[in-house]
Each structure stands twice: as structure tokens, then as C-alpha cells.
Amino acid sequence: MISKLDNKNALVTAGAQGIGAAITRHLIDQGANVAIHYFSSADTANELVAYAESQGRKAVALSGDLTNEAEATALVQKASEKLGGLNTLINNAGSLVGRKMLCDMESEFWTKVMDINLTSMMYVTKAALPFLSSNESSSIVNLASLAGRKGGHPGSLAYSTSKGAILTFTRALSTELGPNGIRVNAIAPGLILGTSFHNTHTSKESADQTTGTIPIQRAGNADDVARAVAYLASEYDGFITGATLDINGGVYA
């Protein structure tokens, strides 16, 4: 069977590390051309471009600070120019930044987390809208988090709040863009080990404790998330929009 992603053009933000790199590779493997945004992972981005080209796909690596609206807009325009349009947008960029309790919260830290996780998503999506709307049907997948549903661990107040907002952003945007033929969905990963995110912000003790509460008794990996993202991205003529797919091994309590 020919993949629905065959010869589609996708932009993946933060597409050169961790979950983003796995998403990029899965899209390439399913036939997509890719624009790979990166902030500091230039080597991996270039390796993914070479991999895409070896598979007969078009690919480009683009750096930029997505919290700057002008840079975000320019990056989306370059992605469309290099690939010849956009069918898919994967809003993957985001970060915990650090852990801070409310009693230690500075306005600068709060704003930084919101800018990285939420405002940048708005900038990129707004810039991509004309290109996505020019197709009969297009797809947006936003990366949220289980923390956006449960509130996260202590010290992740700003991060969890921003990820919860992405769930609402997704539902609201699906209603707004539905008449344009654009589906908008979200993915909410739980504990995904083997990424720089959890290597930086999650201790082994905390990971082991959390894994013990997961019904299927293992943590997730980047490929678990990437497969789900590729599925939602590929359903151009599908009936799924405004939905959030939970990738967490059965954690709902």
C-alpha cells in the first residue's frame, strides 16, 4: 500500500533531537519530504537530511528561535519554498526549562516557559496557515504531555500549565480551521525515556518510581510517540480532529 504521507511535505519543529528526531525519521520512512527545524542540534539535523535524500525524499534543515515571531515566520516560509508547499505541521518544540515551585516562581521564568511551549506554537501555526490552507486537506499535530492532564511532578507548574493550554489550543483550533480542510490533533506522551528531556529533568529514582505505576510496566520511548504522530499526520481525509491521543501505557488516575 502507498502511504498517505507519500510525497507530502512536513515541517517538524525541534525535529532533530529526542522525540522530534524519531518523528522526522518515521515521516521520512513513510514517504514524506521534511523540513527539520532545529535550535542547536545542527549535526543531527544534517544527518536526517542526508538520510531523507538517501531515501529519495526532499529535505532541508532550518535553524531558528521560534519564540521570535519574525524568525518563526521566516522559517515557515523557507520550509514551504524548499519543499514546494506544506501539507503537515508537527509542533514538537518545547521544554520544561527547569523546576520551580510557585513560591519561587519569577515572572521571567513563567513567561519563558510559556513562550517556548505555547506562544512559539501559535507563531509557527499562524505562519503555516496560508500554506496548509492552499491544499484540499492538511494536518497539524501538536505535542502536549500527560503533565497537561495530571499537573506533572512538583516543580513543573509552568510546564504543565503550558501543556494543558496546548490541549485547549488544539480543540479550539480544530473548530476554527475545520472549514479550511485542516485537521488539528494533539499527542500527550507520558514517561518517555531515552531523550534529553528526561535525561536532564528526571532522576533514575523518579523514573523507576513512575514506571512502577504504569499498567504495562514499562516506560515509553521516542518511537512509541513517533508512530502515533505519523498516524495522525497521515489521515488527510480522516474524521479525527480536535482529539488528543494519550501515549502513556495506561496511566489515567
C-alpha atoms as a PDB file:
ATOM      1  CA  MET A   1       0.000   0.000   0.000  1.00  0.00           C
ATOM      2  CA  ILE A   2       1.130   3.526  -0.749  1.00  0.00           C
ATOM      3  CA  SER A   3       1.409   5.586   2.423  1.00  0.00           C
ATOM      4  CA  LYS A   4      -0.828   8.615   2.723  1.00  0.00           C
ATOM      5  CA  LEU A   5       2.348  10.512   3.589  1.00  0.00           C
ATOM      6  CA  ASP A   6       3.981   9.679   0.269  1.00  0.00           C
ATOM      7  CA  ASN A   7       5.229  12.927  -1.316  1.00  0.00           C
ATOM      8  CA  LYS A   8       3.581  15.054   1.372  1.00  0.00           C
ATOM      9  CA  ASN A   9       5.567  17.980   2.778  1.00  0.00           C
ATOM     10  CA  ALA A  10       6.005  18.189   6.543  1.00  0.00           C
ATOM     11  CA  LEU A  11       7.598  20.716   8.860  1.00  0.00           C
ATOM     12  CA  VAL A  12       8.752  19.317  12.216  1.00  0.00           C
ATOM     13  CA  THR A  13       9.745  21.833  14.868  1.00  0.00           C
ATOM     14  CA  ALA A  14      12.591  20.674  17.127  1.00  0.00           C
ATOM     15  CA  GLY A  15      12.821  17.808  14.683  1.00  0.00           C
ATOM     16  CA  ALA A  16      16.442  16.870  15.269  1.00  0.00           C
ATOM     17  CA  GLN A  17      16.549  15.543  18.814  1.00  0.00           C
ATOM     18  CA  GLY A  18      14.702  13.084  21.002  1.00  0.00           C
ATOM     19  CA  ILE A  19      11.061  12.600  20.105  1.00  0.00           C
ATOM     20  CA  GLY A  20      11.381  15.125  17.278  1.00  0.00           C
ATOM     21  CA  ALA A  21      14.131  13.158  15.563  1.00  0.00           C
ATOM     22  CA  ALA A  22      12.098   9.951  15.841  1.00  0.00           C
ATOM     23  CA  ILE A  23       9.087  11.733  14.337  1.00  0.00           C
ATOM     24  CA  THR A  24      11.184  13.071  11.458  1.00  0.00           C
ATOM     25  CA  ARG A  25      12.588   9.626  10.687  1.00  0.00           C
ATOM     26  CA  HIS A  26       9.145   7.992  10.767  1.00  0.00           C
ATOM     27  CA  LEU A  27       7.747  10.608   8.385  1.00  0.00           C
ATOM     28  CA  ILE A  28      10.659  10.040   6.003  1.00  0.00           C
ATOM     29  CA  ASP A  29      10.169   6.271   6.175  1.00  0.00           C
ATOM     30  CA  GLN A  30       6.512   6.747   5.242  1.00  0.00           C
ATOM     31  CA  GLY A  31       7.384   8.806   2.187  1.00  0.00           C
ATOM     32  CA  ALA A  32       7.224  12.407   3.361  1.00  0.00           C
ATOM     33  CA  ASN A  33       9.501  15.256   2.412  1.00  0.00           C
ATOM     34  CA  VAL A  34      10.668  17.051   5.555  1.00  0.00           C
ATOM     35  CA  ALA A  35      11.738  20.458   6.762  1.00  0.00           C
ATOM     36  CA  ILE A  36      13.622  19.897  10.011  1.00  0.00           C
ATOM     37  CA  HIS A  37      13.710  22.814  12.413  1.00  0.00           C
ATOM     38  CA  TYR A  38      16.479  22.811  14.998  1.00  0.00           C
ATOM     39  CA  PHE A  39      17.811  25.256  17.555  1.00  0.00           C
ATOM     40  CA  SER A  40      21.158  23.694  18.499  1.00  0.00           C
ATOM     41  CA  SER A  41      21.210  20.154  17.031  1.00  0.00           C
ATOM     42  CA  ALA A  42      22.735  21.030  13.663  1.00  0.00           C
ATOM     43  CA  ASP A  43      24.696  17.807  13.238  1.00  0.00           C
ATOM     44  CA  THR A  44      21.689  15.565  13.797  1.00  0.00           C
ATOM     45  CA  ALA A  45      19.529  17.753  11.550  1.00  0.00           C
ATOM     46  CA  ASN A  46      22.040  17.415   8.730  1.00  0.00           C
ATOM     47  CA  GLU A  47      22.259  13.642   9.283  1.00  0.00           C
ATOM     48  CA  LEU A  48      18.479  13.421   8.932  1.00  0.00           C
ATOM     49  CA  VAL A  49      18.598  15.475   5.740  1.00  0.00           C
ATOM     50  CA  ALA A  50      21.172  13.043   4.328  1.00  0.00           C
ATOM     51  CA  TYR A  51      19.002  10.098   5.387  1.00  0.00           C
ATOM     52  CA  ALA A  52      15.934  11.607   3.701  1.00  0.00           C
ATOM     53  CA  GLU A  53      17.836  12.233   0.486  1.00  0.00           C
ATOM     54  CA  SER A  54      19.164   8.663   0.533  1.00  0.00           C
ATOM     55  CA  GLN A  55      15.518   7.544   0.553  1.00  0.00           C
ATOM     56  CA  GLY A  56      14.653   9.770  -2.394  1.00  0.00           C
ATOM     57  CA  ARG A  57      12.923  12.453  -0.317  1.00  0.00           C
ATOM     58  CA  LYS A  58      13.374  16.197  -0.302  1.00  0.00           C
ATOM     59  CA  ALA A  59      14.675  17.599   2.965  1.00  0.00           C
ATOM     60  CA  VAL A  60      16.051  20.780   4.460  1.00  0.00           C
ATOM     61  CA  ALA A  61      17.415  21.705   7.900  1.00  0.00           C
ATOM     62  CA  LEU A  62      16.455  25.138   9.202  1.00  0.00           C
ATOM     63  CA  SER A  63      17.556  26.817  12.423  1.00  0.00           C
ATOM     64  CA  GLY A  64      15.656  29.497  14.255  1.00  0.00           C
ATOM     65  CA  ASP A  65      14.337  30.848  17.540  1.00  0.00           C
ATOM     66  CA  LEU A  66      10.615  30.128  17.361  1.00  0.00           C
ATOM     67  CA  THR A  67       9.877  32.417  20.310  1.00  0.00           C
ATOM     68  CA  ASN A  68      10.713  35.280  17.947  1.00  0.00           C
ATOM     69  CA  GLU A  69       7.716  35.811  15.660  1.00  0.00           C
ATOM     70  CA  ALA A  70       9.751  37.194  12.766  1.00  0.00           C
ATOM     71  CA  GLU A  71      12.165  34.222  12.872  1.00  0.00           C
ATOM     72  CA  ALA A  72       9.308  31.740  13.163  1.00  0.00           C
ATOM     73  CA  THR A  73       7.518  33.267  10.176  1.00  0.00           C
ATOM     74  CA  ALA A  74      10.667  33.329   8.054  1.00  0.00           C
ATOM     75  CA  LEU A  75      11.443  29.708   8.900  1.00  0.00           C
ATOM     76  CA  VAL A  76       7.987  28.509   7.846  1.00  0.00           C
ATOM     77  CA  GLN A  77       8.257  30.433   4.588  1.00  0.00           C
ATOM     78  CA  LYS A  78      11.665  28.890   3.863  1.00  0.00           C
ATOM     79  CA  ALA A  79      10.321  25.414   4.628  1.00  0.00           C
ATOM     80  CA  SER A  80       7.475  25.877   2.146  1.00  0.00           C
ATOM     81  CA  GLU A  81       9.791  27.284  -0.513  1.00  0.00           C
ATOM     82  CA  LYS A  82      12.312  24.442  -0.168  1.00  0.00           C
ATOM     83  CA  LEU A  83       9.722  21.665  -0.193  1.00  0.00           C
ATOM     84  CA  GLY A  84       7.219  23.221  -2.581  1.00  0.00           C
ATOM     85  CA  GLY A  85       4.402  23.758  -0.083  1.00  0.00           C
ATOM     86  CA  LEU A  86       3.262  22.286   3.239  1.00  0.00           C
ATOM     87  CA  ASN A  87       0.727  19.552   3.978  1.00  0.00           C
ATOM     88  CA  THR A  88       1.664  18.809   7.557  1.00  0.00           C
ATOM     89  CA  LEU A  89       2.871  20.739  10.586  1.00  0.00           C
ATOM     90  CA  ILE A  90       4.246  18.919  13.621  1.00  0.00           C
ATOM     91  CA  ASN A  91       4.503  21.350  16.558  1.00  0.00           C
ATOM     92  CA  ASN A  92       7.025  19.465  18.663  1.00  0.00           C
ATOM     93  CA  ALA A  93       9.211  22.248  20.123  1.00  0.00           C
ATOM     94  CA  GLY A  94       9.023  22.623  23.885  1.00  0.00           C
ATOM     95  CA  SER A  95      10.914  22.342  27.150  1.00  0.00           C
ATOM     96  CA  LEU A  96      10.444  22.053  30.895  1.00  0.00           C
ATOM     97  CA  VAL A  97      13.364  24.548  31.194  1.00  0.00           C
ATOM     98  CA  GLY A  98      13.694  23.872  34.920  1.00  0.00           C
ATOM     99  CA  ARG A  99      11.724  23.016  38.036  1.00  0.00           C
ATOM    100  CA  LYS A 100      10.296  25.847  40.133  1.00  0.00           C
ATOM    101  CA  MET A 101       7.614  25.789  42.788  1.00  0.00           C
ATOM    102  CA  LEU A 102       5.061  28.605  42.882  1.00  0.00           C
ATOM    103  CA  CYS A 103       6.764  30.161  45.920  1.00  0.00           C
ATOM    104  CA  ASP A 104       9.956  30.539  43.853  1.00  0.00           C
ATOM    105  CA  MET A 105       8.307  31.499  40.551  1.00  0.00           C
ATOM    106  CA  GLU A 106       9.662  34.593  38.803  1.00  0.00           C
ATOM    107  CA  SER A 107       7.611  36.255  36.081  1.00  0.00           C
ATOM    108  CA  GLU A 108      10.564  35.958  33.697  1.00  0.00           C
ATOM    109  CA  PHE A 109      10.713  32.179  34.141  1.00  0.00           C
ATOM    110  CA  TRP A 110       6.937  31.788  33.714  1.00  0.00           C
ATOM    111  CA  THR A 111       6.991  33.870  30.540  1.00  0.00           C
ATOM    112  CA  LYS A 112       9.976  31.958  29.135  1.00  0.00           C
ATOM    113  CA  VAL A 113       8.251  28.583  29.572  1.00  0.00           C
ATOM    114  CA  MET A 114       5.016  29.880  28.029  1.00  0.00           C
ATOM    115  CA  ASP A 115       6.913  31.401  25.114  1.00  0.00           C
ATOM    116  CA  ILE A 116       8.833  28.200  24.367  1.00  0.00           C
ATOM    117  CA  ASN A 117       5.913  25.800  24.699  1.00  0.00           C
ATOM    118  CA  LEU A 118       2.823  27.769  23.699  1.00  0.00           C
ATOM    119  CA  THR A 119       3.487  31.148  22.096  1.00  0.00           C
ATOM    120  CA  SER A 120       6.009  29.686  19.660  1.00  0.00           C
ATOM    121  CA  MET A 121       3.366  27.136  18.613  1.00  0.00           C
ATOM    122  CA  MET A 122       0.953  29.958  17.852  1.00  0.00           C
ATOM    123  CA  TYR A 123       3.600  31.831  15.815  1.00  0.00           C
ATOM    124  CA  VAL A 124       4.511  28.791  13.718  1.00  0.00           C
ATOM    125  CA  THR A 125       0.919  27.699  13.161  1.00  0.00           C
ATOM    126  CA  LYS A 126      -0.163  31.190  12.169  1.00  0.00           C
ATOM    127  CA  ALA A 127       2.702  31.423   9.669  1.00  0.00           C
ATOM    128  CA  ALA A 128       1.926  27.963   8.260  1.00  0.00           C
ATOM    129  CA  LEU A 129      -1.806  28.588   7.859  1.00  0.00           C
ATOM    130  CA  PRO A 130      -1.712  30.082   4.323  1.00  0.00           C
ATOM    131  CA  PHE A 131       0.368  27.158   3.046  1.00  0.00           C
ATOM    132  CA  LEU A 132      -1.736  24.495   4.778  1.00  0.00           C
ATOM    133  CA  SER A 133      -4.962  26.151   3.578  1.00  0.00           C
ATOM    134  CA  SER A 134      -3.852  26.025  -0.046  1.00  0.00           C
ATOM    135  CA  ASN A 135      -4.311  22.231  -0.017  1.00  0.00           C
ATOM    136  CA  GLU A 136      -7.620  20.381  -0.127  1.00  0.00           C
ATOM    137  CA  SER A 137      -6.755  18.873   3.241  1.00  0.00           C
ATOM    138  CA  SER A 138      -3.865  19.317   5.676  1.00  0.00           C
ATOM    139  CA  SER A 139      -2.887  18.112   9.121  1.00  0.00           C
ATOM    140  CA  ILE A 140      -1.458  19.659  12.285  1.00  0.00           C
ATOM    141  CA  VAL A 141      -0.225  17.588  15.237  1.00  0.00           C
ATOM    142  CA  ASN A 142       0.653  19.360  18.483  1.00  0.00           C
ATOM    143  CA  LEU A 143       2.852  17.792  21.170  1.00  0.00           C
ATOM    144  CA  ALA A 144       1.294  18.171  24.610  1.00  0.00           C
ATOM    145  CA  SER A 145       2.029  15.997  27.657  1.00  0.00           C
ATOM    146  CA  LEU A 146       0.477  13.816  30.320  1.00  0.00           C
ATOM    147  CA  ALA A 147       1.552  16.653  32.613  1.00  0.00           C
ATOM    148  CA  GLY A 148      -1.052  18.808  30.869  1.00  0.00           C
ATOM    149  CA  ARG A 149      -3.739  16.416  32.114  1.00  0.00           C
ATOM    150  CA  LYS A 150      -2.409  15.467  35.576  1.00  0.00           C
ATOM    151  CA  GLY A 151      -0.396  18.529  36.561  1.00  0.00           C
ATOM    152  CA  GLY A 152       3.025  16.893  36.482  1.00  0.00           C
ATOM    153  CA  HIS A 153       5.531  16.388  39.253  1.00  0.00           C
ATOM    154  CA  PRO A 154       6.372  19.103  41.803  1.00  0.00           C
ATOM    155  CA  GLY A 155       8.217  21.985  40.208  1.00  0.00           C
ATOM    156  CA  SER A 156       6.577  21.622  36.799  1.00  0.00           C
ATOM    157  CA  LEU A 157       3.758  24.101  37.356  1.00  0.00           C
ATOM    158  CA  ALA A 158       4.629  26.378  34.423  1.00  0.00           C
ATOM    159  CA  TYR A 159       5.365  23.481  32.081  1.00  0.00           C
ATOM    160  CA  SER A 160       2.191  21.572  32.982  1.00  0.00           C
ATOM    161  CA  THR A 161       0.076  24.703  32.586  1.00  0.00           C
ATOM    162  CA  SER A 162       1.525  25.368  29.133  1.00  0.00           C
ATOM    163  CA  LYS A 163       0.913  21.769  28.060  1.00  0.00           C
ATOM    164  CA  GLY A 164      -2.660  21.892  29.358  1.00  0.00           C
ATOM    165  CA  ALA A 165      -3.157  25.038  27.298  1.00  0.00           C
ATOM    166  CA  ILE A 166      -1.977  23.141  24.204  1.00  0.00           C
ATOM    167  CA  LEU A 167      -4.858  20.695  24.679  1.00  0.00           C
ATOM    168  CA  THR A 168      -7.316  23.600  24.612  1.00  0.00           C
ATOM    169  CA  PHE A 169      -5.430  25.300  21.771  1.00  0.00           C
ATOM    170  CA  THR A 170      -5.822  22.075  19.778  1.00  0.00           C
ATOM    171  CA  ARG A 171      -9.562  21.788  20.361  1.00  0.00           C
ATOM    172  CA  ALA A 172     -10.213  25.442  19.621  1.00  0.00           C
ATOM    173  CA  LEU A 173      -8.043  25.440  16.506  1.00  0.00           C
ATOM    174  CA  SER A 174      -9.700  22.302  15.145  1.00  0.00           C
ATOM    175  CA  THR A 175     -13.023  24.139  15.191  1.00  0.00           C
ATOM    176  CA  GLU A 176     -11.551  27.267  13.652  1.00  0.00           C
ATOM    177  CA  LEU A 177      -9.621  25.524  10.871  1.00  0.00           C
ATOM    178  CA  GLY A 178     -12.029  22.697  10.080  1.00  0.00           C
ATOM    179  CA  PRO A 179     -13.730  24.701   7.309  1.00  0.00           C
ATOM    180  CA  ASN A 180     -10.272  25.165   5.738  1.00  0.00           C
ATOM    181  CA  GLY A 181      -9.882  21.391   5.443  1.00  0.00           C
ATOM    182  CA  ILE A 182      -7.231  21.354   8.178  1.00  0.00           C
ATOM    183  CA  ARG A 183      -7.404  18.747  10.939  1.00  0.00           C
ATOM    184  CA  VAL A 184      -5.748  19.583  14.254  1.00  0.00           C
ATOM    185  CA  ASN A 185      -4.907  16.928  16.843  1.00  0.00           C
ATOM    186  CA  ALA A 186      -2.585  16.510  19.809  1.00  0.00           C
ATOM    187  CA  ILE A 187      -0.401  13.830  21.331  1.00  0.00           C
ATOM    188  CA  ALA A 188       0.059  13.652  25.110  1.00  0.00           C
ATOM    189  CA  PRO A 189       3.091  11.480  25.938  1.00  0.00           C
ATOM    190  CA  GLY A 190       3.702  10.143  29.423  1.00  0.00           C
ATOM    191  CA  LEU A 191       7.114   8.985  30.653  1.00  0.00           C
ATOM    192  CA  ILE A 192       9.286   8.714  27.527  1.00  0.00           C
ATOM    193  CA  LEU A 193      12.830   7.689  28.441  1.00  0.00           C
ATOM    194  CA  GLY A 194      15.965   7.844  26.318  1.00  0.00           C
ATOM    195  CA  THR A 195      15.531  11.513  25.446  1.00  0.00           C
ATOM    196  CA  SER A 196      17.496  14.566  26.517  1.00  0.00           C
ATOM    197  CA  PHE A 197      14.341  15.901  28.211  1.00  0.00           C
ATOM    198  CA  HIS A 198      14.160  13.141  30.797  1.00  0.00           C
ATOM    199  CA  ASN A 199      17.921  12.652  30.903  1.00  0.00           C
ATOM    200  CA  THR A 200      18.094  16.270  32.085  1.00  0.00           C
ATOM    201  CA  HIS A 201      14.987  16.622  34.247  1.00  0.00           C
ATOM    202  CA  THR A 202      14.145  13.134  35.575  1.00  0.00           C
ATOM    203  CA  SER A 203      16.279  11.190  38.031  1.00  0.00           C
ATOM    204  CA  LYS A 204      16.628   7.410  37.749  1.00  0.00           C
ATOM    205  CA  GLU A 205      14.849   7.037  41.073  1.00  0.00           C
ATOM    206  CA  SER A 206      11.902   9.135  39.876  1.00  0.00           C
ATOM    207  CA  ALA A 207      11.763   7.278  36.543  1.00  0.00           C
ATOM    208  CA  ASP A 208      11.785   3.893  38.300  1.00  0.00           C
ATOM    209  CA  GLN A 209       9.049   5.003  40.683  1.00  0.00           C
ATOM    210  CA  THR A 210       6.881   6.321  37.851  1.00  0.00           C
ATOM    211  CA  THR A 211       7.442   3.209  35.735  1.00  0.00           C
ATOM    212  CA  GLY A 212       6.162   1.116  38.616  1.00  0.00           C
ATOM    213  CA  THR A 213       2.787   2.891  38.376  1.00  0.00           C
ATOM    214  CA  ILE A 214       2.379   2.280  34.616  1.00  0.00           C
ATOM    215  CA  PRO A 215      -0.069  -0.584  33.947  1.00  0.00           C
ATOM    216  CA  ILE A 216       2.029  -2.143  31.178  1.00  0.00           C
ATOM    217  CA  GLN A 217       5.110  -1.931  33.423  1.00  0.00           C
ATOM    218  CA  ARG A 218       7.475  -0.073  31.141  1.00  0.00           C
ATOM    219  CA  ALA A 219       8.294   3.478  30.171  1.00  0.00           C
ATOM    220  CA  GLY A 220       7.708   4.684  26.651  1.00  0.00           C
ATOM    221  CA  ASN A 221      10.303   5.502  24.021  1.00  0.00           C
ATOM    222  CA  ALA A 222      10.508   8.049  21.231  1.00  0.00           C
ATOM    223  CA  ASP A 223       9.312   5.589  18.597  1.00  0.00           C
ATOM    224  CA  ASP A 224       6.109   4.954  20.579  1.00  0.00           C
ATOM    225  CA  VAL A 225       5.283   8.637  20.178  1.00  0.00           C
ATOM    226  CA  ALA A 226       6.525   8.954  16.599  1.00  0.00           C
ATOM    227  CA  ARG A 227       4.277   6.160  15.352  1.00  0.00           C
ATOM    228  CA  ALA A 228       1.222   7.893  16.791  1.00  0.00           C
ATOM    229  CA  VAL A 229       2.225  11.261  15.360  1.00  0.00           C
ATOM    230  CA  ALA A 230       2.745   9.760  11.910  1.00  0.00           C
ATOM    231  CA  TYR A 231      -0.697   8.155  12.101  1.00  0.00           C
ATOM    232  CA  LEU A 232      -2.485  11.392  12.960  1.00  0.00           C
ATOM    233  CA  ALA A 233      -0.442  13.308  10.397  1.00  0.00           C
ATOM    234  CA  SER A 234      -1.275  10.876   7.619  1.00  0.00           C
ATOM    235  CA  GLU A 235      -5.060  10.862   7.970  1.00  0.00           C
ATOM    236  CA  TYR A 236      -5.626  13.700   5.499  1.00  0.00           C
ATOM    237  CA  ASP A 237      -9.113  12.506   4.581  1.00  0.00           C
ATOM    238  CA  GLY A 238      -9.890  11.276   8.075  1.00  0.00           C
ATOM    239  CA  PHE A 239     -12.582  12.172  10.579  1.00  0.00           C
ATOM    240  CA  ILE A 240     -10.296  12.680  13.582  1.00  0.00           C
ATOM    241  CA  THR A 241      -9.826  16.299  14.636  1.00  0.00           C
ATOM    242  CA  GLY A 242      -9.714  18.120  17.945  1.00  0.00           C
ATOM    243  CA  ALA A 243      -8.607  14.887  19.610  1.00  0.00           C
ATOM    244  CA  THR A 244      -5.756  14.120  21.979  1.00  0.00           C
ATOM    245  CA  LEU A 245      -4.113  10.706  21.772  1.00  0.00           C
ATOM    246  CA  ASP A 246      -2.608   9.632  25.098  1.00  0.00           C
ATOM    247  CA  ILE A 247       0.671   7.717  24.809  1.00  0.00           C
ATOM    248  CA  ASN A 248       1.309   6.738  28.408  1.00  0.00           C
ATOM    249  CA  GLY A 249       0.991   2.975  28.923  1.00  0.00           C
ATOM    250  CA  GLY A 250      -2.428   3.272  30.537  1.00  0.00           C
ATOM    251  CA  VAL A 251      -1.885   5.994  33.159  1.00  0.00           C
ATOM    252  CA  TYR A 252      -5.162   7.840  33.756  1.00  0.00           C
ATOM    253  CA  ALA A 253      -5.612   8.022  37.546  1.00  0.00           C
END
